[in-house]
Structures are given as structure tokens and as C-alpha cells.
Amino acid sequence: MQLNADTRLQDLADTYPWLIDQVASMDERLKIAKTFIGRQMIKRSTIGDASRMSGYPTDKIIEELKKLIEKHENA
């Protein structure tokens, strides 16, 4: 899956169901992903949206997502 600012979070969650828990543990600002409101936002948000809402840099989110996916696939 191509990861960029326009990647839909729901597509990530559908492809990698375990990823939301991992993202929430990356940084305090991303813990919202595990809340009811966060789950609703995931349905219609992109990585870029998550970056703007959390203040966590887009490139850093993408880098961390790639690391988590690679680690999981190599396990």
C-alpha cells in the first residue's frame, strides 16, 4: 500500500487491522485513535488530516507507519 498524506486511514485500518493499536502507542497525541471519536474520524480522514489534528508531522507519521508495517510483516 502506498503511504502518503492522502492515504485514507480507513484503508490502513482495513488492510492492517492491528495498526490502530500500534499507532495509538506511538505518541500521546495519537492516542485519540483508540477512542470512539477517533474511530469515527478514521472513517473519513487521511494521514494528512491526522497530522493536522494531532500536530504530529506527516512525514514522521508515514515513517513510523512504514516501520510498524515492516516489523509486523517480518515477524
PDB file of N, CA and C in Angstrom:
ATOM      1  N   MET A   1       0.848  -1.179   0.000  1.00  0.00           N
ATOM      2  CA  MET A   1       0.000   0.000   0.000  1.00  0.00           C
ATOM      3  C   MET A   1       0.891   1.239   0.000  1.00  0.00           C
ATOM      4  N   GLN A   2       0.538   2.186  -0.845  1.00  0.00           N
ATOM      5  CA  GLN A   2       1.257   3.453  -0.934  1.00  0.00           C
ATOM      6  C   GLN A   2       0.850   4.343   0.231  1.00  0.00           C
ATOM      7  N   LEU A   3       1.814   4.835   0.992  1.00  0.00           N
ATOM      8  CA  LEU A   3       1.518   5.721   2.106  1.00  0.00           C
ATOM      9  C   LEU A   3       1.933   7.136   1.757  1.00  0.00           C
ATOM     10  N   ASN A   4       0.980   8.056   1.840  1.00  0.00           N
ATOM     11  CA  ASN A   4       1.259   9.476   1.659  1.00  0.00           C
ATOM     12  C   ASN A   4       0.190  10.252   2.420  1.00  0.00           C
ATOM     13  N   ALA A   5       0.247  11.558   2.355  1.00  0.00           N
ATOM     14  CA  ALA A   5      -0.679  12.395   3.114  1.00  0.00           C
ATOM     15  C   ALA A   5      -2.133  12.134   2.739  1.00  0.00           C
ATOM     16  N   ASP A   6      -2.382  11.636   1.524  1.00  0.00           N
ATOM     17  CA  ASP A   6      -3.749  11.391   1.065  1.00  0.00           C
ATOM     18  C   ASP A   6      -4.254   9.978   1.334  1.00  0.00           C
ATOM     19  N   THR A   7      -3.425   9.139   1.941  1.00  0.00           N
ATOM     20  CA  THR A   7      -3.844   7.773   2.260  1.00  0.00           C
ATOM     21  C   THR A   7      -4.956   7.822   3.303  1.00  0.00           C
ATOM     22  N   ARG A   8      -6.049   7.158   3.002  1.00  0.00           N
ATOM     23  CA  ARG A   8      -7.186   7.154   3.915  1.00  0.00           C
ATOM     24  C   ARG A   8      -6.906   6.230   5.102  1.00  0.00           C
ATOM     25  N   LEU A   9      -7.212   6.723   6.286  1.00  0.00           N
ATOM     26  CA  LEU A   9      -6.968   5.945   7.500  1.00  0.00           C
ATOM     27  C   LEU A   9      -7.820   4.683   7.530  1.00  0.00           C
ATOM     28  N   GLN A  10      -9.022   4.744   6.994  1.00  0.00           N
ATOM     29  CA  GLN A  10      -9.872   3.558   6.966  1.00  0.00           C
ATOM     30  C   GLN A  10      -9.249   2.473   6.097  1.00  0.00           C
ATOM     31  N   ASP A  11      -8.608   2.865   4.988  1.00  0.00           N
ATOM     32  CA  ASP A  11      -7.928   1.886   4.144  1.00  0.00           C
ATOM     33  C   ASP A  11      -6.791   1.212   4.905  1.00  0.00           C
ATOM     34  N   LEU A  12      -6.053   2.003   5.685  1.00  0.00           N
ATOM     35  CA  LEU A  12      -4.986   1.430   6.510  1.00  0.00           C
ATOM     36  C   LEU A  12      -5.564   0.462   7.544  1.00  0.00           C
ATOM     37  N   ALA A  13      -6.641   0.865   8.200  1.00  0.00           N
ATOM     38  CA  ALA A  13      -7.254   0.027   9.229  1.00  0.00           C
ATOM     39  C   ALA A  13      -7.825  -1.258   8.635  1.00  0.00           C
ATOM     40  N   ASP A  14      -8.351  -1.174   7.413  1.00  0.00           N
ATOM     41  CA  ASP A  14      -8.892  -2.367   6.755  1.00  0.00           C
ATOM     42  C   ASP A  14      -7.772  -3.319   6.340  1.00  0.00           C
ATOM     43  N   THR A  15      -6.668  -2.766   5.858  1.00  0.00           N
ATOM     44  CA  THR A  15      -5.551  -3.584   5.388  1.00  0.00           C
ATOM     45  C   THR A  15      -4.728  -4.135   6.544  1.00  0.00           C
ATOM     46  N   TYR A  16      -4.537  -3.317   7.566  1.00  0.00           N
ATOM     47  CA  TYR A  16      -3.725  -3.692   8.731  1.00  0.00           C
ATOM     48  C   TYR A  16      -4.541  -3.464  10.001  1.00  0.00           C
ATOM     49  N   PRO A  17      -5.459  -4.359  10.341  1.00  0.00           N
ATOM     50  CA  PRO A  17      -6.348  -4.146  11.490  1.00  0.00           C
ATOM     51  C   PRO A  17      -5.624  -3.927  12.814  1.00  0.00           C
ATOM     52  N   TRP A  18      -4.460  -4.463  12.968  1.00  0.00           N
ATOM     53  CA  TRP A  18      -3.678  -4.337  14.200  1.00  0.00           C
ATOM     54  C   TRP A  18      -3.012  -2.964  14.316  1.00  0.00           C
ATOM     55  N   LEU A  19      -2.976  -2.207  13.238  1.00  0.00           N
ATOM     56  CA  LEU A  19      -2.192  -0.976  13.181  1.00  0.00           C
ATOM     57  C   LEU A  19      -2.716   0.138  14.086  1.00  0.00           C
ATOM     58  N   ILE A  20      -4.009   0.246  14.260  1.00  0.00           N
ATOM     59  CA  ILE A  20      -4.575   1.331  15.075  1.00  0.00           C
ATOM     60  C   ILE A  20      -4.046   1.263  16.505  1.00  0.00           C
ATOM     61  N   ASP A  21      -3.993   0.068  17.081  1.00  0.00           N
ATOM     62  CA  ASP A  21      -3.442  -0.062  18.429  1.00  0.00           C
ATOM     63  C   ASP A  21      -1.981   0.363  18.475  1.00  0.00           C
ATOM     64  N   GLN A  22      -1.232   0.003  17.458  1.00  0.00           N
ATOM     65  CA  GLN A  22       0.178   0.362  17.401  1.00  0.00           C
ATOM     66  C   GLN A  22       0.373   1.874  17.257  1.00  0.00           C
ATOM     67  N   VAL A  23      -0.436   2.487  16.421  1.00  0.00           N
ATOM     68  CA  VAL A  23      -0.339   3.939  16.209  1.00  0.00           C
ATOM     69  C   VAL A  23      -0.653   4.677  17.503  1.00  0.00           C
ATOM     70  N   ALA A  24      -1.651   4.224  18.201  1.00  0.00           N
ATOM     71  CA  ALA A  24      -2.042   4.881  19.450  1.00  0.00           C
ATOM     72  C   ALA A  24      -0.928   4.837  20.484  1.00  0.00           C
ATOM     73  N   SER A  25      -0.060   3.853  20.398  1.00  0.00           N
ATOM     74  CA  SER A  25       1.034   3.749  21.365  1.00  0.00           C
ATOM     75  C   SER A  25       2.283   4.517  20.926  1.00  0.00           C
ATOM     76  N   MET A  26       2.280   5.068  19.706  1.00  0.00           N
ATOM     77  CA  MET A  26       3.445   5.792  19.193  1.00  0.00           C
ATOM     78  C   MET A  26       3.698   7.100  19.942  1.00  0.00           C
ATOM     79  N   ASP A  27       2.639   7.815  20.256  1.00  0.00           N
ATOM     80  CA  ASP A  27       2.774   9.152  20.820  1.00  0.00           C
ATOM     81  C   ASP A  27       1.477   9.524  21.524  1.00  0.00           C
ATOM     82  N   GLU A  28       1.581  10.283  22.586  1.00  0.00           N
ATOM     83  CA  GLU A  28       0.399  10.720  23.339  1.00  0.00           C
ATOM     84  C   GLU A  28      -0.631  11.387  22.437  1.00  0.00           C
ATOM     85  N   ARG A  29      -0.158  12.161  21.464  1.00  0.00           N
ATOM     86  CA  ARG A  29      -1.067  12.906  20.590  1.00  0.00           C
ATOM     87  C   ARG A  29      -1.882  12.000  19.682  1.00  0.00           C
ATOM     88  N   LEU A  30      -1.463  10.757  19.526  1.00  0.00           N
ATOM     89  CA  LEU A  30      -2.163   9.836  18.625  1.00  0.00           C
ATOM     90  C   LEU A  30      -3.065   8.850  19.361  1.00  0.00           C
ATOM     91  N   LYS A  31      -3.138   8.954  20.679  1.00  0.00           N
ATOM     92  CA  LYS A  31      -3.981   8.040  21.460  1.00  0.00           C
ATOM     93  C   LYS A  31      -5.464   8.189  21.137  1.00  0.00           C
ATOM     94  N   ILE A  32      -5.841   9.294  20.554  1.00  0.00           N
ATOM     95  CA  ILE A  32      -7.239   9.503  20.184  1.00  0.00           C
ATOM     96  C   ILE A  32      -7.728   8.424  19.229  1.00  0.00           C
ATOM     97  N   ALA A  33      -6.808   7.788  18.512  1.00  0.00           N
ATOM     98  CA  ALA A  33      -7.182   6.753  17.540  1.00  0.00           C
ATOM     99  C   ALA A  33      -7.963   5.612  18.185  1.00  0.00           C
ATOM    100  N   LYS A  34      -7.795   5.392  19.478  1.00  0.00           N
ATOM    101  CA  LYS A  34      -8.467   4.282  20.155  1.00  0.00           C
ATOM    102  C   LYS A  34      -9.772   4.692  20.826  1.00  0.00           C
ATOM    103  N   THR A  35     -10.135   5.956  20.722  1.00  0.00           N
ATOM    104  CA  THR A  35     -11.375   6.416  21.344  1.00  0.00           C
ATOM    105  C   THR A  35     -12.537   6.307  20.355  1.00  0.00           C
ATOM    106  N   PHE A  36     -13.741   6.458  20.864  1.00  0.00           N
ATOM    107  CA  PHE A  36     -14.921   6.429  19.997  1.00  0.00           C
ATOM    108  C   PHE A  36     -14.826   7.519  18.934  1.00  0.00           C
ATOM    109  N   ILE A  37     -14.492   8.719  19.356  1.00  0.00           N
ATOM    110  CA  ILE A  37     -14.380   9.837  18.405  1.00  0.00           C
ATOM    111  C   ILE A  37     -13.281   9.548  17.391  1.00  0.00           C
ATOM    112  N   GLY A  38     -12.172   9.009  17.843  1.00  0.00           N
ATOM    113  CA  GLY A  38     -11.077   8.664  16.939  1.00  0.00           C
ATOM    114  C   GLY A  38     -11.498   7.647  15.895  1.00  0.00           C
ATOM    115  N   ARG A  39     -12.225   6.630  16.316  1.00  0.00           N
ATOM    116  CA  ARG A  39     -12.693   5.608  15.370  1.00  0.00           C
ATOM    117  C   ARG A  39     -13.636   6.207  14.330  1.00  0.00           C
ATOM    118  N   GLN A  40     -14.439   7.174  14.745  1.00  0.00           N
ATOM    119  CA  GLN A  40     -15.331   7.840  13.793  1.00  0.00           C
ATOM    120  C   GLN A  40     -14.536   8.710  12.818  1.00  0.00           C
ATOM    121  N   MET A  41     -13.505   9.367  13.318  1.00  0.00           N
ATOM    122  CA  MET A  41     -12.666  10.217  12.463  1.00  0.00           C
ATOM    123  C   MET A  41     -11.876   9.384  11.462  1.00  0.00           C
ATOM    124  N   ILE A  42     -11.465   8.196  11.862  1.00  0.00           N
ATOM    125  CA  ILE A  42     -10.706   7.310  10.973  1.00  0.00           C
ATOM    126  C   ILE A  42     -11.509   6.997   9.721  1.00  0.00           C
ATOM    127  N   LYS A  43     -12.811   6.897   9.856  1.00  0.00           N
ATOM    128  CA  LYS A  43     -13.661   6.532   8.721  1.00  0.00           C
ATOM    129  C   LYS A  43     -13.591   7.541   7.577  1.00  0.00           C
ATOM    130  N   ARG A  44     -13.263   8.794   7.883  1.00  0.00           N
ATOM    131  CA  ARG A  44     -13.285   9.798   6.816  1.00  0.00           C
ATOM    132  C   ARG A  44     -12.034  10.682   6.768  1.00  0.00           C
ATOM    133  N   SER A  45     -10.958  10.251   7.405  1.00  0.00           N
ATOM    134  CA  SER A  45      -9.745  11.065   7.467  1.00  0.00           C
ATOM    135  C   SER A  45      -8.580  10.427   6.721  1.00  0.00           C
ATOM    136  N   THR A  46      -7.585  11.247   6.431  1.00  0.00           N
ATOM    137  CA  THR A  46      -6.361  10.803   5.780  1.00  0.00           C
ATOM    138  C   THR A  46      -5.196  10.954   6.753  1.00  0.00           C
ATOM    139  N   ILE A  47      -4.035  10.473   6.350  1.00  0.00           N
ATOM    140  CA  ILE A  47      -2.830  10.665   7.171  1.00  0.00           C
ATOM    141  C   ILE A  47      -2.569  12.157   7.350  1.00  0.00           C
ATOM    142  N   GLY A  48      -2.769  12.936   6.290  1.00  0.00           N
ATOM    143  CA  GLY A  48      -2.579  14.388   6.379  1.00  0.00           C
ATOM    144  C   GLY A  48      -3.524  15.024   7.391  1.00  0.00           C
ATOM    145  N   ASP A  49      -4.777  14.565   7.411  1.00  0.00           N
ATOM    146  CA  ASP A  49      -5.745  15.065   8.390  1.00  0.00           C
ATOM    147  C   ASP A  49      -5.291  14.732   9.810  1.00  0.00           C
ATOM    148  N   ALA A  50      -4.826  13.509   9.999  1.00  0.00           N
ATOM    149  CA  ALA A  50      -4.359  13.083  11.326  1.00  0.00           C
ATOM    150  C   ALA A  50      -3.183  13.939  11.768  1.00  0.00           C
ATOM    151  N   SER A  51      -2.324  14.267  10.840  1.00  0.00           N
ATOM    152  CA  SER A  51      -1.179  15.110  11.151  1.00  0.00           C
ATOM    153  C   SER A  51      -1.632  16.493  11.613  1.00  0.00           C
ATOM    154  N   ARG A  52      -2.547  17.088  10.871  1.00  0.00           N
ATOM    155  CA  ARG A  52      -3.034  18.428  11.228  1.00  0.00           C
ATOM    156  C   ARG A  52      -3.747  18.421  12.573  1.00  0.00           C
ATOM    157  N   MET A  53      -4.539  17.391  12.834  1.00  0.00           N
ATOM    158  CA  MET A  53      -5.300  17.326  14.080  1.00  0.00           C
ATOM    159  C   MET A  53      -4.410  17.063  15.290  1.00  0.00           C
ATOM    160  N   SER A  54      -3.368  16.270  15.092  1.00  0.00           N
ATOM    161  CA  SER A  54      -2.530  15.868  16.221  1.00  0.00           C
ATOM    162  C   SER A  54      -1.310  16.762  16.419  1.00  0.00           C
ATOM    163  N   GLY A  55      -0.915  17.468  15.360  1.00  0.00           N
ATOM    164  CA  GLY A  55       0.312  18.252  15.442  1.00  0.00           C
ATOM    165  C   GLY A  55       1.550  17.400  15.226  1.00  0.00           C
ATOM    166  N   TYR A  56       1.357  16.132  14.918  1.00  0.00           N
ATOM    167  CA  TYR A  56       2.450  15.187  14.658  1.00  0.00           C
ATOM    168  C   TYR A  56       2.786  15.301  13.175  1.00  0.00           C
ATOM    169  N   PRO A  57       4.032  15.552  12.789  1.00  0.00           N
ATOM    170  CA  PRO A  57       4.386  15.784  11.383  1.00  0.00           C
ATOM    171  C   PRO A  57       4.003  14.618  10.466  1.00  0.00           C
ATOM    172  N   THR A  58       3.454  14.946   9.306  1.00  0.00           N
ATOM    173  CA  THR A  58       3.005  13.945   8.336  1.00  0.00           C
ATOM    174  C   THR A  58       4.120  12.980   7.973  1.00  0.00           C
ATOM    175  N   ASP A  59       5.297  13.515   7.669  1.00  0.00           N
ATOM    176  CA  ASP A  59       6.398  12.641   7.257  1.00  0.00           C
ATOM    177  C   ASP A  59       6.807  11.700   8.384  1.00  0.00           C
ATOM    178  N   LYS A  60       6.701  12.152   9.616  1.00  0.00           N
ATOM    179  CA  LYS A  60       7.038  11.305  10.766  1.00  0.00           C
ATOM    180  C   LYS A  60       5.984  10.195  10.934  1.00  0.00           C
ATOM    181  N   ILE A  61       4.713  10.529  10.750  1.00  0.00           N
ATOM    182  CA  ILE A  61       3.656   9.517  10.829  1.00  0.00           C
ATOM    183  C   ILE A  61       3.894   8.444   9.769  1.00  0.00           C
ATOM    184  N   ILE A  62       4.158   8.872   8.541  1.00  0.00           N
ATOM    185  CA  ILE A  62       4.367   7.924   7.447  1.00  0.00           C
ATOM    186  C   ILE A  62       5.582   7.054   7.727  1.00  0.00           C
ATOM    187  N   GLU A  63       6.657   7.661   8.198  1.00  0.00           N
ATOM    188  CA  GLU A  63       7.877   6.906   8.519  1.00  0.00           C
ATOM    189  C   GLU A  63       7.602   5.857   9.588  1.00  0.00           C
ATOM    190  N   GLU A  64       6.883   6.249  10.627  1.00  0.00           N
ATOM    191  CA  GLU A  64       6.579   5.319  11.716  1.00  0.00           C
ATOM    192  C   GLU A  64       5.622   4.213  11.267  1.00  0.00           C
ATOM    193  N   LEU A  65       4.645   4.572  10.446  1.00  0.00           N
ATOM    194  CA  LEU A  65       3.732   3.561   9.917  1.00  0.00           C
ATOM    195  C   LEU A  65       4.484   2.521   9.100  1.00  0.00           C
ATOM    196  N   LYS A  66       5.386   2.981   8.258  1.00  0.00           N
ATOM    197  CA  LYS A  66       6.180   2.058   7.442  1.00  0.00           C
ATOM    198  C   LYS A  66       7.006   1.123   8.315  1.00  0.00           C
ATOM    199  N   LYS A  67       7.590   1.663   9.382  1.00  0.00           N
ATOM    200  CA  LYS A  67       8.379   0.835  10.299  1.00  0.00           C
ATOM    201  C   LYS A  67       7.504  -0.225  10.965  1.00  0.00           C
ATOM    202  N   LEU A  68       6.325   0.196  11.437  1.00  0.00           N
ATOM    203  CA  LEU A  68       5.422  -0.749  12.097  1.00  0.00           C
ATOM    204  C   LEU A  68       4.965  -1.850  11.150  1.00  0.00           C
ATOM    205  N   ILE A  69       4.623  -1.476   9.923  1.00  0.00           N
ATOM    206  CA  ILE A  69       4.176  -2.461   8.934  1.00  0.00           C
ATOM    207  C   ILE A  69       5.295  -3.420   8.597  1.00  0.00           C
ATOM    208  N   GLU A  70       6.485  -2.892   8.369  1.00  0.00           N
ATOM    209  CA  GLU A  70       7.630  -3.750   8.029  1.00  0.00           C
ATOM    210  C   GLU A  70       7.954  -4.700   9.178  1.00  0.00           C
ATOM    211  N   LYS A  71       7.944  -4.177  10.394  1.00  0.00           N
ATOM    212  CA  LYS A  71       8.224  -5.012  11.571  1.00  0.00           C
ATOM    213  C   LYS A  71       7.191  -6.146  11.682  1.00  0.00           C
ATOM    214  N   HIS A  72       5.935  -5.830  11.481  1.00  0.00           N
ATOM    215  CA  HIS A  72       4.871  -6.816  11.586  1.00  0.00           C
ATOM    216  C   HIS A  72       4.982  -7.870  10.483  1.00  0.00           C
ATOM    217  N   GLU A  73       5.298  -7.432   9.272  1.00  0.00           N
ATOM    218  CA  GLU A  73       5.403  -8.366   8.157  1.00  0.00           C
ATOM    219  C   GLU A  73       6.630  -9.265   8.261  1.00  0.00           C
ATOM    220  N   ASN A  74       7.658  -8.796   8.936  1.00  0.00           N
ATOM    221  CA  ASN A  74       8.884  -9.592   9.089  1.00  0.00           C
ATOM    222  C   ASN A  74       8.857 -10.484  10.320  1.00  0.00           C
ATOM    223  N   ALA A  75       7.810 -10.343  11.130  1.00  0.00           N
ATOM    224  CA  ALA A  75       7.739 -11.136  12.368  1.00  0.00           C
ATOM    225  C   ALA A  75       7.258 -12.546  12.082  1.00  0.00           C
TER     226      ALA A  75
END
